Amino acid sequence: MFSLFSCFAKQGKADGGSRGGFRSVSMSEGISLMGALEDGQFVLLDVRRPDEFAQGHIPGARLLTNETISAETVREQFPDTAQPLFVYCRSGRRSKEAAQKLAALGYTNITEIGGILDYAGELER
């Protein structure tokens, strides 16, 4: 019975599920989802601090620190509230906060992909 429960728990996490207007998936699943889209069809958001971003980020990521997310800062950069947004930080805490803020601002296609600590690819500096 334990292994059956364990299987369902893992499946639920992998499916991502919706959390307050966004879904959470693993970093690897998020990378796969982005890979299925064409360039320009989505935005990859790094919500860490500028010094963390400068130390290395996922190629193509745009910086929008969690602390600066507001209606003004987001709408200037991302006027299409339906555009797919993939959000990450260092460990996953700030990306969840940022995803909640974006959902509250009316964005409807948000995928929180956790932290860069789980990213296995090359970093851009």
PDB file of N, CA and C in Angstrom:
ATOM      1  N   MET A   1       0.818  -1.190   0.000  1.00  0.00           N
ATOM      2  CA  MET A   1       0.000   0.000   0.000  1.00  0.00           C
ATOM      3  C   MET A   1       0.863   1.256   0.000  1.00  0.00           C
ATOM      4  N   PHE A   2       1.986   1.253   0.723  1.00  0.00           N
ATOM      5  CA  PHE A   2       2.875   2.406   0.749  1.00  0.00           C
ATOM      6  C   PHE A   2       3.384   2.737  -0.649  1.00  0.00           C
ATOM      7  N   SER A   3       3.790   1.723  -1.420  1.00  0.00           N
ATOM      8  CA  SER A   3       4.320   1.986  -2.757  1.00  0.00           C
ATOM      9  C   SER A   3       3.245   2.549  -3.675  1.00  0.00           C
ATOM     10  N   LEU A   4       1.990   2.123  -3.504  1.00  0.00           N
ATOM     11  CA  LEU A   4       0.908   2.667  -4.303  1.00  0.00           C
ATOM     12  C   LEU A   4       0.708   4.143  -3.982  1.00  0.00           C
ATOM     13  N   PHE A   5       0.700   4.508  -2.689  1.00  0.00           N
ATOM     14  CA  PHE A   5       0.582   5.907  -2.287  1.00  0.00           C
ATOM     15  C   PHE A   5       1.749   6.717  -2.828  1.00  0.00           C
ATOM     16  N   SER A   6       2.951   6.180  -2.729  1.00  0.00           N
ATOM     17  CA  SER A   6       4.148   6.865  -3.209  1.00  0.00           C
ATOM     18  C   SER A   6       4.048   7.156  -4.697  1.00  0.00           C
ATOM     19  N   CYS A   7       3.531   6.209  -5.452  1.00  0.00           N
ATOM     20  CA  CYS A   7       3.381   6.396  -6.890  1.00  0.00           C
ATOM     21  C   CYS A   7       2.412   7.533  -7.193  1.00  0.00           C
ATOM     22  N   PHE A   8       1.262   7.568  -6.491  1.00  0.00           N
ATOM     23  CA  PHE A   8       0.300   8.636  -6.712  1.00  0.00           C
ATOM     24  C   PHE A   8       0.860   9.987  -6.294  1.00  0.00           C
ATOM     25  N   ALA A   9       1.602  10.039  -5.214  1.00  0.00           N
ATOM     26  CA  ALA A   9       2.186  11.305  -4.760  1.00  0.00           C
ATOM     27  C   ALA A   9       3.155  11.839  -5.800  1.00  0.00           C
ATOM     28  N   LYS A  10       3.981  10.970  -6.352  1.00  0.00           N
ATOM     29  CA  LYS A  10       4.926  11.413  -7.380  1.00  0.00           C
ATOM     30  C   LYS A  10       4.196  11.864  -8.625  1.00  0.00           C
ATOM     31  N   GLN A  11       3.135  11.127  -9.010  1.00  0.00           N
ATOM     32  CA  GLN A  11       2.386  11.492 -10.197  1.00  0.00           C
ATOM     33  C   GLN A  11       1.739  12.862 -10.010  1.00  0.00           C
ATOM     34  N   GLY A  12       1.167  13.122  -8.847  1.00  0.00           N
ATOM     35  CA  GLY A  12       0.539  14.413  -8.597  1.00  0.00           C
ATOM     36  C   GLY A  12       1.534  15.549  -8.710  1.00  0.00           C
ATOM     37  N   LYS A  13       2.734  15.352  -8.204  1.00  0.00           N
ATOM     38  CA  LYS A  13       3.748  16.389  -8.289  1.00  0.00           C
ATOM     39  C   LYS A  13       4.190  16.600  -9.726  1.00  0.00           C
ATOM     40  N   ALA A  14       4.377  15.513 -10.469  1.00  0.00           N
ATOM     41  CA  ALA A  14       4.812  15.618 -11.854  1.00  0.00           C
ATOM     42  C   ALA A  14       3.762  16.308 -12.708  1.00  0.00           C
ATOM     43  N   ASP A  15       2.481  16.052 -12.414  1.00  0.00           N
ATOM     44  CA  ASP A  15       1.422  16.686 -13.173  1.00  0.00           C
ATOM     45  C   ASP A  15       1.395  18.192 -12.935  1.00  0.00           C
ATOM     46  N   GLY A  16       1.996  18.630 -11.875  1.00  0.00           N
ATOM     47  CA  GLY A  16       2.091  20.047 -11.609  1.00  0.00           C
ATOM     48  C   GLY A  16       0.924  20.584 -10.824  1.00  0.00           C
ATOM     49  N   GLY A  17      -0.254  20.319 -11.297  1.00  0.00           N
ATOM     50  CA  GLY A  17      -1.418  20.806 -10.581  1.00  0.00           C
ATOM     51  C   GLY A  17      -1.445  22.330 -10.533  1.00  0.00           C
ATOM     52  N   SER A  18      -2.609  22.872 -10.435  1.00  0.00           N
ATOM     53  CA  SER A  18      -2.752  24.318 -10.367  1.00  0.00           C
ATOM     54  C   SER A  18      -2.717  24.762  -8.916  1.00  0.00           C
ATOM     55  N   ARG A  19      -1.986  25.825  -8.653  1.00  0.00           N
ATOM     56  CA  ARG A  19      -1.896  26.380  -7.300  1.00  0.00           C
ATOM     57  C   ARG A  19      -2.162  27.870  -7.376  1.00  0.00           C
ATOM     58  N   GLY A  20      -3.351  28.273  -7.071  1.00  0.00           N
ATOM     59  CA  GLY A  20      -3.648  29.697  -7.022  1.00  0.00           C
ATOM     60  C   GLY A  20      -3.412  30.423  -8.333  1.00  0.00           C
ATOM     61  N   GLY A  21      -3.773  29.839  -9.464  1.00  0.00           N
ATOM     62  CA  GLY A  21      -3.630  30.509 -10.742  1.00  0.00           C
ATOM     63  C   GLY A  21      -2.352  30.192 -11.493  1.00  0.00           C
ATOM     64  N   PHE A  22      -1.564  29.268 -11.002  1.00  0.00           N
ATOM     65  CA  PHE A  22      -0.365  28.842 -11.716  1.00  0.00           C
ATOM     66  C   PHE A  22      -0.152  27.370 -11.450  1.00  0.00           C
ATOM     67  N   ARG A  23       0.715  26.767 -12.244  1.00  0.00           N
ATOM     68  CA  ARG A  23       1.046  25.373 -11.985  1.00  0.00           C
ATOM     69  C   ARG A  23       2.520  25.253 -11.669  1.00  0.00           C
ATOM     70  N   SER A  24       2.841  24.262 -10.872  1.00  0.00           N
ATOM     71  CA  SER A  24       4.233  23.987 -10.513  1.00  0.00           C
ATOM     72  C   SER A  24       4.635  22.654 -11.115  1.00  0.00           C
ATOM     73  N   VAL A  25       5.789  22.650 -11.761  1.00  0.00           N
ATOM     74  CA  VAL A  25       6.359  21.421 -12.312  1.00  0.00           C
ATOM     75  C   VAL A  25       7.834  21.394 -11.948  1.00  0.00           C
ATOM     76  N   SER A  26       8.463  20.266 -12.168  1.00  0.00           N
ATOM     77  CA  SER A  26       9.899  20.177 -11.913  1.00  0.00           C
ATOM     78  C   SER A  26      10.664  20.990 -12.945  1.00  0.00           C
ATOM     79  N   MET A  27      11.907  21.286 -12.637  1.00  0.00           N
ATOM     80  CA  MET A  27      12.754  22.017 -13.569  1.00  0.00           C
ATOM     81  C   MET A  27      12.865  21.254 -14.893  1.00  0.00           C
ATOM     82  N   SER A  28      13.104  19.948 -14.822  1.00  0.00           N
ATOM     83  CA  SER A  28      13.273  19.177 -16.060  1.00  0.00           C
ATOM     84  C   SER A  28      11.991  19.164 -16.892  1.00  0.00           C
ATOM     85  N   GLU A  29      10.837  19.064 -16.240  1.00  0.00           N
ATOM     86  CA  GLU A  29       9.582  19.107 -16.986  1.00  0.00           C
ATOM     87  C   GLU A  29       9.367  20.495 -17.587  1.00  0.00           C
ATOM     88  N   GLY A  30       9.708  21.534 -16.840  1.00  0.00           N
ATOM     89  CA  GLY A  30       9.589  22.896 -17.367  1.00  0.00           C
ATOM     90  C   GLY A  30      10.456  23.111 -18.596  1.00  0.00           C
ATOM     91  N   ILE A  31      11.691  22.604 -18.557  1.00  0.00           N
ATOM     92  CA  ILE A  31      12.589  22.724 -19.708  1.00  0.00           C
ATOM     93  C   ILE A  31      11.989  21.993 -20.908  1.00  0.00           C
ATOM     94  N   SER A  32      11.407  20.822 -20.675  1.00  0.00           N
ATOM     95  CA  SER A  32      10.751  20.072 -21.761  1.00  0.00           C
ATOM     96  C   SER A  32       9.575  20.843 -22.341  1.00  0.00           C
ATOM     97  N   LEU A  33       8.759  21.431 -21.466  1.00  0.00           N
ATOM     98  CA  LEU A  33       7.614  22.208 -21.939  1.00  0.00           C
ATOM     99  C   LEU A  33       8.067  23.402 -22.780  1.00  0.00           C
ATOM    100  N   MET A  34       9.123  24.078 -22.346  1.00  0.00           N
ATOM    101  CA  MET A  34       9.638  25.213 -23.122  1.00  0.00           C
ATOM    102  C   MET A  34      10.185  24.737 -24.461  1.00  0.00           C
ATOM    103  N   GLY A  35      10.826  23.570 -24.449  1.00  0.00           N
ATOM    104  CA  GLY A  35      11.391  23.027 -25.687  1.00  0.00           C
ATOM    105  C   GLY A  35      10.340  22.707 -26.726  1.00  0.00           C
ATOM    106  N   ALA A  36       9.116  22.464 -26.295  1.00  0.00           N
ATOM    107  CA  ALA A  36       8.028  22.164 -27.219  1.00  0.00           C
ATOM    108  C   ALA A  36       7.457  23.437 -27.857  1.00  0.00           C
ATOM    109  N   LEU A  37       7.824  24.587 -27.327  1.00  0.00           N
ATOM    110  CA  LEU A  37       7.361  25.871 -27.864  1.00  0.00           C
ATOM    111  C   LEU A  37       8.448  26.493 -28.728  1.00  0.00           C
ATOM    112  N   GLU A  38       8.044  27.334 -29.644  1.00  0.00           N
ATOM    113  CA  GLU A  38       9.010  28.037 -30.476  1.00  0.00           C
ATOM    114  C   GLU A  38       9.543  29.255 -29.730  1.00  0.00           C
ATOM    115  N   ASP A  39      10.759  29.670 -30.100  1.00  0.00           N
ATOM    116  CA  ASP A  39      11.331  30.884 -29.505  1.00  0.00           C
ATOM    117  C   ASP A  39      10.362  32.040 -29.707  1.00  0.00           C
ATOM    118  N   GLY A  40      10.231  32.860 -28.695  1.00  0.00           N
ATOM    119  CA  GLY A  40       9.340  34.005 -28.753  1.00  0.00           C
ATOM    120  C   GLY A  40       7.926  33.705 -28.307  1.00  0.00           C
ATOM    121  N   GLN A  41       7.576  32.419 -28.161  1.00  0.00           N
ATOM    122  CA  GLN A  41       6.227  32.067 -27.726  1.00  0.00           C
ATOM    123  C   GLN A  41       6.094  32.065 -26.210  1.00  0.00           C
ATOM    124  N   PHE A  42       7.215  32.136 -25.504  1.00  0.00           N
ATOM    125  CA  PHE A  42       7.179  32.101 -24.048  1.00  0.00           C
ATOM    126  C   PHE A  42       8.250  33.028 -23.494  1.00  0.00           C
ATOM    127  N   VAL A  43       8.129  33.313 -22.192  1.00  0.00           N
ATOM    128  CA  VAL A  43       9.124  34.101 -21.482  1.00  0.00           C
ATOM    129  C   VAL A  43       9.632  33.258 -20.327  1.00  0.00           C
ATOM    130  N   LEU A  44      10.947  33.183 -20.190  1.00  0.00           N
ATOM    131  CA  LEU A  44      11.581  32.517 -19.061  1.00  0.00           C
ATOM    132  C   LEU A  44      12.008  33.609 -18.091  1.00  0.00           C
ATOM    133  N   LEU A  45      11.404  33.614 -16.903  1.00  0.00           N
ATOM    134  CA  LEU A  45      11.660  34.663 -15.914  1.00  0.00           C
ATOM    135  C   LEU A  45      12.511  34.155 -14.769  1.00  0.00           C
ATOM    136  N   ASP A  46      13.618  34.824 -14.545  1.00  0.00           N
ATOM    137  CA  ASP A  46      14.468  34.587 -13.374  1.00  0.00           C
ATOM    138  C   ASP A  46      14.093  35.666 -12.377  1.00  0.00           C
ATOM    139  N   VAL A  47      13.623  35.267 -11.199  1.00  0.00           N
ATOM    140  CA  VAL A  47      13.144  36.249 -10.223  1.00  0.00           C
ATOM    141  C   VAL A  47      14.120  36.430  -9.061  1.00  0.00           C
ATOM    142  N   ARG A  48      15.385  36.048  -9.284  1.00  0.00           N
ATOM    143  CA  ARG A  48      16.406  36.247  -8.251  1.00  0.00           C
ATOM    144  C   ARG A  48      16.911  37.692  -8.293  1.00  0.00           C
ATOM    145  N   ARG A  49      17.847  38.001  -7.415  1.00  0.00           N
ATOM    146  CA  ARG A  49      18.459  39.330  -7.381  1.00  0.00           C
ATOM    147  C   ARG A  49      19.411  39.498  -8.568  1.00  0.00           C
ATOM    148  N   PRO A  50      19.708  40.735  -8.955  1.00  0.00           N
ATOM    149  CA  PRO A  50      20.623  40.980 -10.076  1.00  0.00           C
ATOM    150  C   PRO A  50      22.005  40.345  -9.892  1.00  0.00           C
ATOM    151  N   ASP A  51      22.548  40.349  -8.670  1.00  0.00           N
ATOM    152  CA  ASP A  51      23.865  39.739  -8.462  1.00  0.00           C
ATOM    153  C   ASP A  51      23.820  38.229  -8.678  1.00  0.00           C
ATOM    154  N   GLU A  52      22.722  37.590  -8.294  1.00  0.00           N
ATOM    155  CA  GLU A  52      22.575  36.152  -8.524  1.00  0.00           C
ATOM    156  C   GLU A  52      22.452  35.866 -10.024  1.00  0.00           C
ATOM    157  N   PHE A  53      21.681  36.682 -10.713  1.00  0.00           N
ATOM    158  CA  PHE A  53      21.486  36.540 -12.159  1.00  0.00           C
ATOM    159  C   PHE A  53      22.829  36.662 -12.881  1.00  0.00           C
ATOM    160  N   ALA A  54      23.646  37.632 -12.469  1.00  0.00           N
ATOM    161  CA  ALA A  54      24.946  37.858 -13.101  1.00  0.00           C
ATOM    162  C   ALA A  54      25.910  36.691 -12.889  1.00  0.00           C
ATOM    163  N   GLN A  55      25.748  35.975 -11.787  1.00  0.00           N
ATOM    164  CA  GLN A  55      26.620  34.823 -11.515  1.00  0.00           C
ATOM    165  C   GLN A  55      26.323  33.650 -12.442  1.00  0.00           C
ATOM    166  N   GLY A  56      25.157  33.632 -13.045  1.00  0.00           N
ATOM    167  CA  GLY A  56      24.790  32.583 -13.985  1.00  0.00           C
ATOM    168  C   GLY A  56      23.296  32.351 -13.993  1.00  0.00           C
ATOM    169  N   HIS A  57      22.737  32.296 -15.197  1.00  0.00           N
ATOM    170  CA  HIS A  57      21.299  32.079 -15.357  1.00  0.00           C
ATOM    171  C   HIS A  57      21.058  31.150 -16.534  1.00  0.00           C
ATOM    172  N   ILE A  58      19.861  30.646 -16.629  1.00  0.00           N
ATOM    173  CA  ILE A  58      19.484  29.778 -17.735  1.00  0.00           C
ATOM    174  C   ILE A  58      19.486  30.629 -19.011  1.00  0.00           C
ATOM    175  N   PRO A  59      20.119  30.139 -20.086  1.00  0.00           N
ATOM    176  CA  PRO A  59      20.170  30.919 -21.326  1.00  0.00           C
ATOM    177  C   PRO A  59      18.777  31.364 -21.784  1.00  0.00           C
ATOM    178  N   GLY A  60      18.691  32.636 -22.139  1.00  0.00           N
ATOM    179  CA  GLY A  60      17.445  33.216 -22.611  1.00  0.00           C
ATOM    180  C   GLY A  60      16.557  33.784 -21.518  1.00  0.00           C
ATOM    181  N   ALA A  61      16.943  33.600 -20.263  1.00  0.00           N
ATOM    182  CA  ALA A  61      16.119  34.097 -19.159  1.00  0.00           C
ATOM    183  C   ALA A  61      16.156  35.615 -19.098  1.00  0.00           C
ATOM    184  N   ARG A  62      15.054  36.172 -18.644  1.00  0.00           N
ATOM    185  CA  ARG A  62      14.963  37.613 -18.410  1.00  0.00           C
ATOM    186  C   ARG A  62      14.835  37.828 -16.911  1.00  0.00           C
ATOM    187  N   LEU A  63      15.470  38.861 -16.431  1.00  0.00           N
ATOM    188  CA  LEU A  63      15.465  39.156 -14.999  1.00  0.00           C
ATOM    189  C   LEU A  63      14.299  40.065 -14.633  1.00  0.00           C
ATOM    190  N   LEU A  64      13.545  39.645 -13.639  1.00  0.00           N
ATOM    191  CA  LEU A  64      12.513  40.467 -13.012  1.00  0.00           C
ATOM    192  C   LEU A  64      12.475  40.028 -11.562  1.00  0.00           C
ATOM    193  N   THR A  65      13.159  40.741 -10.719  1.00  0.00           N
ATOM    194  CA  THR A  65      13.284  40.307  -9.332  1.00  0.00           C
ATOM    195  C   THR A  65      11.916  40.221  -8.654  1.00  0.00           C
ATOM    196  N   ASN A  66      11.777  39.213  -7.827  1.00  0.00           N
ATOM    197  CA  ASN A  66      10.528  38.986  -7.108  1.00  0.00           C
ATOM    198  C   ASN A  66      10.101  40.239  -6.350  1.00  0.00           C
ATOM    199  N   GLU A  67      11.042  40.914  -5.752  1.00  0.00           N
ATOM    200  CA  GLU A  67      10.741  42.089  -4.930  1.00  0.00           C
ATOM    201  C   GLU A  67      10.197  43.261  -5.746  1.00  0.00           C
ATOM    202  N   THR A  68      10.463  43.289  -7.045  1.00  0.00           N
ATOM    203  CA  THR A  68      10.028  44.426  -7.864  1.00  0.00           C
ATOM    204  C   THR A  68       8.771  44.131  -8.681  1.00  0.00           C
ATOM    205  N   ILE A  69       8.198  42.961  -8.520  1.00  0.00           N
ATOM    206  CA  ILE A  69       6.991  42.639  -9.292  1.00  0.00           C
ATOM    207  C   ILE A  69       5.832  43.499  -8.813  1.00  0.00           C
ATOM    208  N   SER A  70       5.280  44.259  -9.748  1.00  0.00           N
ATOM    209  CA  SER A  70       4.108  45.092  -9.494  1.00  0.00           C
ATOM    210  C   SER A  70       3.362  45.223 -10.821  1.00  0.00           C
ATOM    211  N   ALA A  71       2.171  45.770 -10.774  1.00  0.00           N
ATOM    212  CA  ALA A  71       1.398  45.945 -12.000  1.00  0.00           C
ATOM    213  C   ALA A  71       2.189  46.752 -13.026  1.00  0.00           C
ATOM    214  N   GLU A  72       2.874  47.790 -12.581  1.00  0.00           N
ATOM    215  CA  GLU A  72       3.614  48.651 -13.502  1.00  0.00           C
ATOM    216  C   GLU A  72       4.820  47.932 -14.119  1.00  0.00           C
ATOM    217  N   THR A  73       5.626  47.299 -13.293  1.00  0.00           N
ATOM    218  CA  THR A  73       6.847  46.679 -13.812  1.00  0.00           C
ATOM    219  C   THR A  73       6.550  45.491 -14.718  1.00  0.00           C
ATOM    220  N   VAL A  74       5.504  44.758 -14.414  1.00  0.00           N
ATOM    221  CA  VAL A  74       5.191  43.570 -15.207  1.00  0.00           C
ATOM    222  C   VAL A  74       4.504  43.943 -16.511  1.00  0.00           C
ATOM    223  N   ARG A  75       3.517  44.810 -16.448  1.00  0.00           N
ATOM    224  CA  ARG A  75       2.764  45.169 -17.657  1.00  0.00           C
ATOM    225  C   ARG A  75       3.653  45.852 -18.697  1.00  0.00           C
ATOM    226  N   GLU A  76       4.648  46.611 -18.250  1.00  0.00           N
ATOM    227  CA  GLU A  76       5.589  47.243 -19.197  1.00  0.00           C
ATOM    228  C   GLU A  76       6.315  46.185 -20.012  1.00  0.00           C
ATOM    229  N   GLN A  77       6.806  45.167 -19.357  1.00  0.00           N
ATOM    230  CA  GLN A  77       7.615  44.155 -20.016  1.00  0.00           C
ATOM    231  C   GLN A  77       6.799  43.062 -20.679  1.00  0.00           C
ATOM    232  N   PHE A  78       5.648  42.730 -20.097  1.00  0.00           N
ATOM    233  CA  PHE A  78       4.850  41.602 -20.574  1.00  0.00           C
ATOM    234  C   PHE A  78       3.384  42.009 -20.691  1.00  0.00           C
ATOM    235  N   PRO A  79       3.031  42.748 -21.746  1.00  0.00           N
ATOM    236  CA  PRO A  79       1.657  43.242 -21.865  1.00  0.00           C
ATOM    237  C   PRO A  79       0.624  42.141 -22.132  1.00  0.00           C
ATOM    238  N   ASP A  80       1.049  40.999 -22.699  1.00  0.00           N
ATOM    239  CA  ASP A  80       0.132  39.902 -23.016  1.00  0.00           C
ATOM    240  C   ASP A  80      -0.029  39.002 -21.793  1.00  0.00           C
ATOM    241  N   THR A  81      -1.163  39.103 -21.120  1.00  0.00           N
ATOM    242  CA  THR A  81      -1.382  38.343 -19.890  1.00  0.00           C
ATOM    243  C   THR A  81      -1.586  36.846 -20.143  1.00  0.00           C
ATOM    244  N   ALA A  82      -1.742  36.448 -21.415  1.00  0.00           N
ATOM    245  CA  ALA A  82      -1.915  35.034 -21.746  1.00  0.00           C
ATOM    246  C   ALA A  82      -0.622  34.383 -22.243  1.00  0.00           C
ATOM    247  N   GLN A  83       0.434  35.173 -22.423  1.00  0.00           N
ATOM    248  CA  GLN A  83       1.703  34.615 -22.893  1.00  0.00           C
ATOM    249  C   GLN A  83       2.254  33.636 -21.855  1.00  0.00           C
ATOM    250  N   PRO A  84       2.744  32.476 -22.286  1.00  0.00           N
ATOM    251  CA  PRO A  84       3.313  31.535 -21.320  1.00  0.00           C
ATOM    252  C   PRO A  84       4.527  32.126 -20.596  1.00  0.00           C
ATOM    253  N   LEU A  85       4.493  32.077 -19.274  1.00  0.00           N
ATOM    254  CA  LEU A  85       5.588  32.543 -18.429  1.00  0.00           C
ATOM    255  C   LEU A  85       6.109  31.356 -17.621  1.00  0.00           C
ATOM    256  N   PHE A  86       7.407  31.107 -17.703  1.00  0.00           N
ATOM    257  CA  PHE A  86       8.059  30.065 -16.915  1.00  0.00           C
ATOM    258  C   PHE A  86       8.930  30.776 -15.894  1.00  0.00           C
ATOM    259  N   VAL A  87       8.695  30.523 -14.622  1.00  0.00           N
ATOM    260  CA  VAL A  87       9.301  31.291 -13.545  1.00  0.00           C
ATOM    261  C   VAL A  87      10.201  30.396 -12.693  1.00  0.00           C
ATOM    262  N   TYR A  88      11.440  30.885 -12.448  1.00  0.00           N
ATOM    263  CA  TYR A  88      12.348  30.149 -11.562  1.00  0.00           C
ATOM    264  C   TYR A  88      13.154  31.107 -10.700  1.00  0.00           C
ATOM    265  N   CYS A  89      13.765  30.554  -9.652  1.00  0.00           N
ATOM    266  CA  CYS A  89      14.634  31.316  -8.758  1.00  0.00           C
ATOM    267  C   CYS A  89      15.818  30.429  -8.388  1.00  0.00           C
ATOM    268  N   ARG A  90      16.306  30.523  -7.175  1.00  0.00           N
ATOM    269  CA  ARG A  90      17.425  29.678  -6.754  1.00  0.00           C
ATOM    270  C   ARG A  90      16.939  28.304  -6.287  1.00  0.00           C
ATOM    271  N   SER A  91      15.966  28.304  -5.371  1.00  0.00           N
ATOM    272  CA  SER A  91      15.534  27.033  -4.792  1.00  0.00           C
ATOM    273  C   SER A  91      14.056  26.704  -5.023  1.00  0.00           C
ATOM    274  N   GLY A  92      13.261  27.678  -5.408  1.00  0.00           N
ATOM    275  CA  GLY A  92      11.836  27.461  -5.645  1.00  0.00           C
ATOM    276  C   GLY A  92      10.910  28.285  -4.769  1.00  0.00           C
ATOM    277  N   ARG A  93      11.403  28.852  -3.698  1.00  0.00           N
ATOM    278  CA  ARG A  93      10.550  29.641  -2.797  1.00  0.00           C
ATOM    279  C   ARG A  93      10.106  30.948  -3.452  1.00  0.00           C
ATOM    280  N   ARG A  94      11.069  31.714  -3.957  1.00  0.00           N
ATOM    281  CA  ARG A  94      10.733  33.008  -4.581  1.00  0.00           C
ATOM    282  C   ARG A  94       9.935  32.836  -5.868  1.00  0.00           C
ATOM    283  N   SER A  95      10.209  31.753  -6.602  1.00  0.00           N
ATOM    284  CA  SER A  95       9.458  31.550  -7.847  1.00  0.00           C
ATOM    285  C   SER A  95       7.984  31.279  -7.547  1.00  0.00           C
ATOM    286  N   LYS A  96       7.685  30.589  -6.468  1.00  0.00           N
ATOM    287  CA  LYS A  96       6.289  30.375  -6.078  1.00  0.00           C
ATOM    288  C   LYS A  96       5.639  31.709  -5.683  1.00  0.00           C
ATOM    289  N   GLU A  97       6.359  32.522  -4.916  1.00  0.00           N
ATOM    290  CA  GLU A  97       5.837  33.843  -4.538  1.00  0.00           C
ATOM    291  C   GLU A  97       5.589  34.691  -5.782  1.00  0.00           C
ATOM    292  N   ALA A  98       6.545  34.688  -6.707  1.00  0.00           N
ATOM    293  CA  ALA A  98       6.423  35.480  -7.929  1.00  0.00           C
ATOM    294  C   ALA A  98       5.247  34.992  -8.773  1.00  0.00           C
ATOM    295  N   ALA A  99       5.084  33.680  -8.883  1.00  0.00           N
ATOM    296  CA  ALA A  99       3.969  33.119  -9.651  1.00  0.00           C
ATOM    297  C   ALA A  99       2.635  33.543  -9.041  1.00  0.00           C
ATOM    298  N   GLN A 100       2.546  33.553  -7.718  1.00  0.00           N
ATOM    299  CA  GLN A 100       1.326  34.009  -7.048  1.00  0.00           C
ATOM    300  C   GLN A 100       1.049  35.471  -7.365  1.00  0.00           C
ATOM    301  N   LYS A 101       2.092  36.294  -7.334  1.00  0.00           N
ATOM    302  CA  LYS A 101       1.925  37.719  -7.648  1.00  0.00           C
ATOM    303  C   LYS A 101       1.459  37.910  -9.087  1.00  0.00           C
ATOM    304  N   LEU A 102       2.079  37.182 -10.010  1.00  0.00           N
ATOM    305  CA  LEU A 102       1.713  37.297 -11.426  1.00  0.00           C
ATOM    306  C   LEU A 102       0.263  36.864 -11.652  1.00  0.00           C
ATOM    307  N   ALA A 103      -0.148  35.788 -11.009  1.00  0.00           N
ATOM    308  CA  ALA A 103      -1.532  35.324 -11.123  1.00  0.00           C
ATOM    309  C   ALA A 103      -2.495  36.382 -10.577  1.00  0.00           C
ATOM    310  N   ALA A 104      -2.133  36.996  -9.467  1.00  0.00           N
ATOM    311  CA  ALA A 104      -2.972  38.038  -8.872  1.00  0.00           C
ATOM    312  C   ALA A 104      -3.081  39.258  -9.782  1.00  0.00           C
ATOM    313  N   LEU A 105      -2.078  39.455 -10.633  1.00  0.00           N
ATOM    314  CA  LEU A 105      -2.090  40.579 -11.578  1.00  0.00           C
ATOM    315  C   LEU A 105      -2.822  40.237 -12.875  1.00  0.00           C
ATOM    316  N   GLY A 106      -3.361  39.018 -12.959  1.00  0.00           N
ATOM    317  CA  GLY A 106      -4.173  38.646 -14.115  1.00  0.00           C
ATOM    318  C   GLY A 106      -3.485  37.787 -15.156  1.00  0.00           C
ATOM    319  N   TYR A 107      -2.264  37.382 -14.922  1.00  0.00           N
ATOM    320  CA  TYR A 107      -1.578  36.498 -15.870  1.00  0.00           C
ATOM    321  C   TYR A 107      -2.158  35.095 -15.737  1.00  0.00           C
ATOM    322  N   THR A 108      -2.385  34.459 -16.878  1.00  0.00           N
ATOM    323  CA  THR A 108      -3.160  33.225 -16.878  1.00  0.00           C
ATOM    324  C   THR A 108      -2.398  31.990 -17.335  1.00  0.00           C
ATOM    325  N   ASN A 109      -1.165  32.139 -17.763  1.00  0.00           N
ATOM    326  CA  ASN A 109      -0.425  31.001 -18.309  1.00  0.00           C
ATOM    327  C   ASN A 109       0.952  30.925 -17.647  1.00  0.00           C
ATOM    328  N   ILE A 110       0.965  30.692 -16.337  1.00  0.00           N
ATOM    329  CA  ILE A 110       2.191  30.721 -15.534  1.00  0.00           C
ATOM    330  C   ILE A 110       2.569  29.301 -15.135  1.00  0.00           C
ATOM    331  N   THR A 111       3.840  28.970 -15.365  1.00  0.00           N
ATOM    332  CA  THR A 111       4.369  27.689 -14.910  1.00  0.00           C
ATOM    333  C   THR A 111       5.570  27.963 -14.027  1.00  0.00           C
ATOM    334  N   GLU A 112       5.479  27.572 -12.782  1.00  0.00           N
ATOM    335  CA  GLU A 112       6.577  27.733 -11.825  1.00  0.00           C
ATOM    336  C   GLU A 112       7.420  26.478 -11.913  1.00  0.00           C
ATOM    337  N   ILE A 113       8.734  26.659 -12.220  1.00  0.00           N
ATOM    338  CA  ILE A 113       9.598  25.502 -12.472  1.00  0.00           C
ATOM    339  C   ILE A 113      10.668  25.303 -11.402  1.00  0.00           C
ATOM    340  N   GLY A 114      10.522  25.956 -10.271  1.00  0.00           N
ATOM    341  CA  GLY A 114      11.426  25.696  -9.160  1.00  0.00           C
ATOM    342  C   GLY A 114      12.697  26.514  -9.183  1.00  0.00           C
ATOM    343  N   GLY A 115      13.793  25.853  -8.815  1.00  0.00           N
ATOM    344  CA  GLY A 115      15.047  26.565  -8.641  1.00  0.00           C
ATOM    345  C   GLY A 115      16.147  26.140  -9.586  1.00  0.00           C
ATOM    346  N   ILE A 116      17.036  27.074  -9.849  1.00  0.00           N
ATOM    347  CA  ILE A 116      18.169  26.823 -10.729  1.00  0.00           C
ATOM    348  C   ILE A 116      19.098  25.757 -10.144  1.00  0.00           C
ATOM    349  N   LEU A 117      18.995  25.509  -8.851  1.00  0.00           N
ATOM    350  CA  LEU A 117      19.785  24.441  -8.234  1.00  0.00           C
ATOM    351  C   LEU A 117      19.487  23.086  -8.871  1.00  0.00           C
ATOM    352  N   ASP A 118      18.296  22.941  -9.461  1.00  0.00           N
ATOM    353  CA  ASP A 118      17.909  21.691 -10.110  1.00  0.00           C
ATOM    354  C   ASP A 118      18.161  21.701 -11.622  1.00  0.00           C
ATOM    355  N   TYR A 119      18.745  22.761 -12.130  1.00  0.00           N
ATOM    356  CA  TYR A 119      19.011  22.882 -13.568  1.00  0.00           C
ATOM    357  C   TYR A 119      20.347  22.216 -13.902  1.00  0.00           C
ATOM    358  N   ALA A 120      20.329  21.363 -14.905  1.00  0.00           N
ATOM    359  CA  ALA A 120      21.528  20.586 -15.239  1.00  0.00           C
ATOM    360  C   ALA A 120      22.268  21.110 -16.472  1.00  0.00           C
ATOM    361  N   GLY A 121      21.756  22.138 -17.131  1.00  0.00           N
ATOM    362  CA  GLY A 121      22.368  22.631 -18.358  1.00  0.00           C
ATOM    363  C   GLY A 121      23.442  23.675 -18.140  1.00  0.00           C
ATOM    364  N   GLU A 122      23.920  24.200 -19.250  1.00  0.00           N
ATOM    365  CA  GLU A 122      24.915  25.277 -19.222  1.00  0.00           C
ATOM    366  C   GLU A 122      24.272  26.564 -18.713  1.00  0.00           C
ATOM    367  N   LEU A 123      25.082  27.381 -18.064  1.00  0.00           N
ATOM    368  CA  LEU A 123      24.616  28.679 -17.593  1.00  0.00           C
ATOM    369  C   LEU A 123      25.179  29.785 -18.474  1.00  0.00           C
ATOM    370  N   GLU A 124      24.406  30.841 -18.593  1.00  0.00           N
ATOM    371  CA  GLU A 124      24.831  32.039 -19.308  1.00  0.00           C
ATOM    372  C   GLU A 124      25.266  33.062 -18.276  1.00  0.00           C
ATOM    373  N   ARG A 125      26.335  33.760 -18.558  1.00  0.00           N
ATOM    374  CA  ARG A 125      26.830  34.786 -17.624  1.00  0.00           C
ATOM    375  C   ARG A 125      26.909  36.122 -18.303  1.00  0.00           C
TER     376      ARG A 125
END
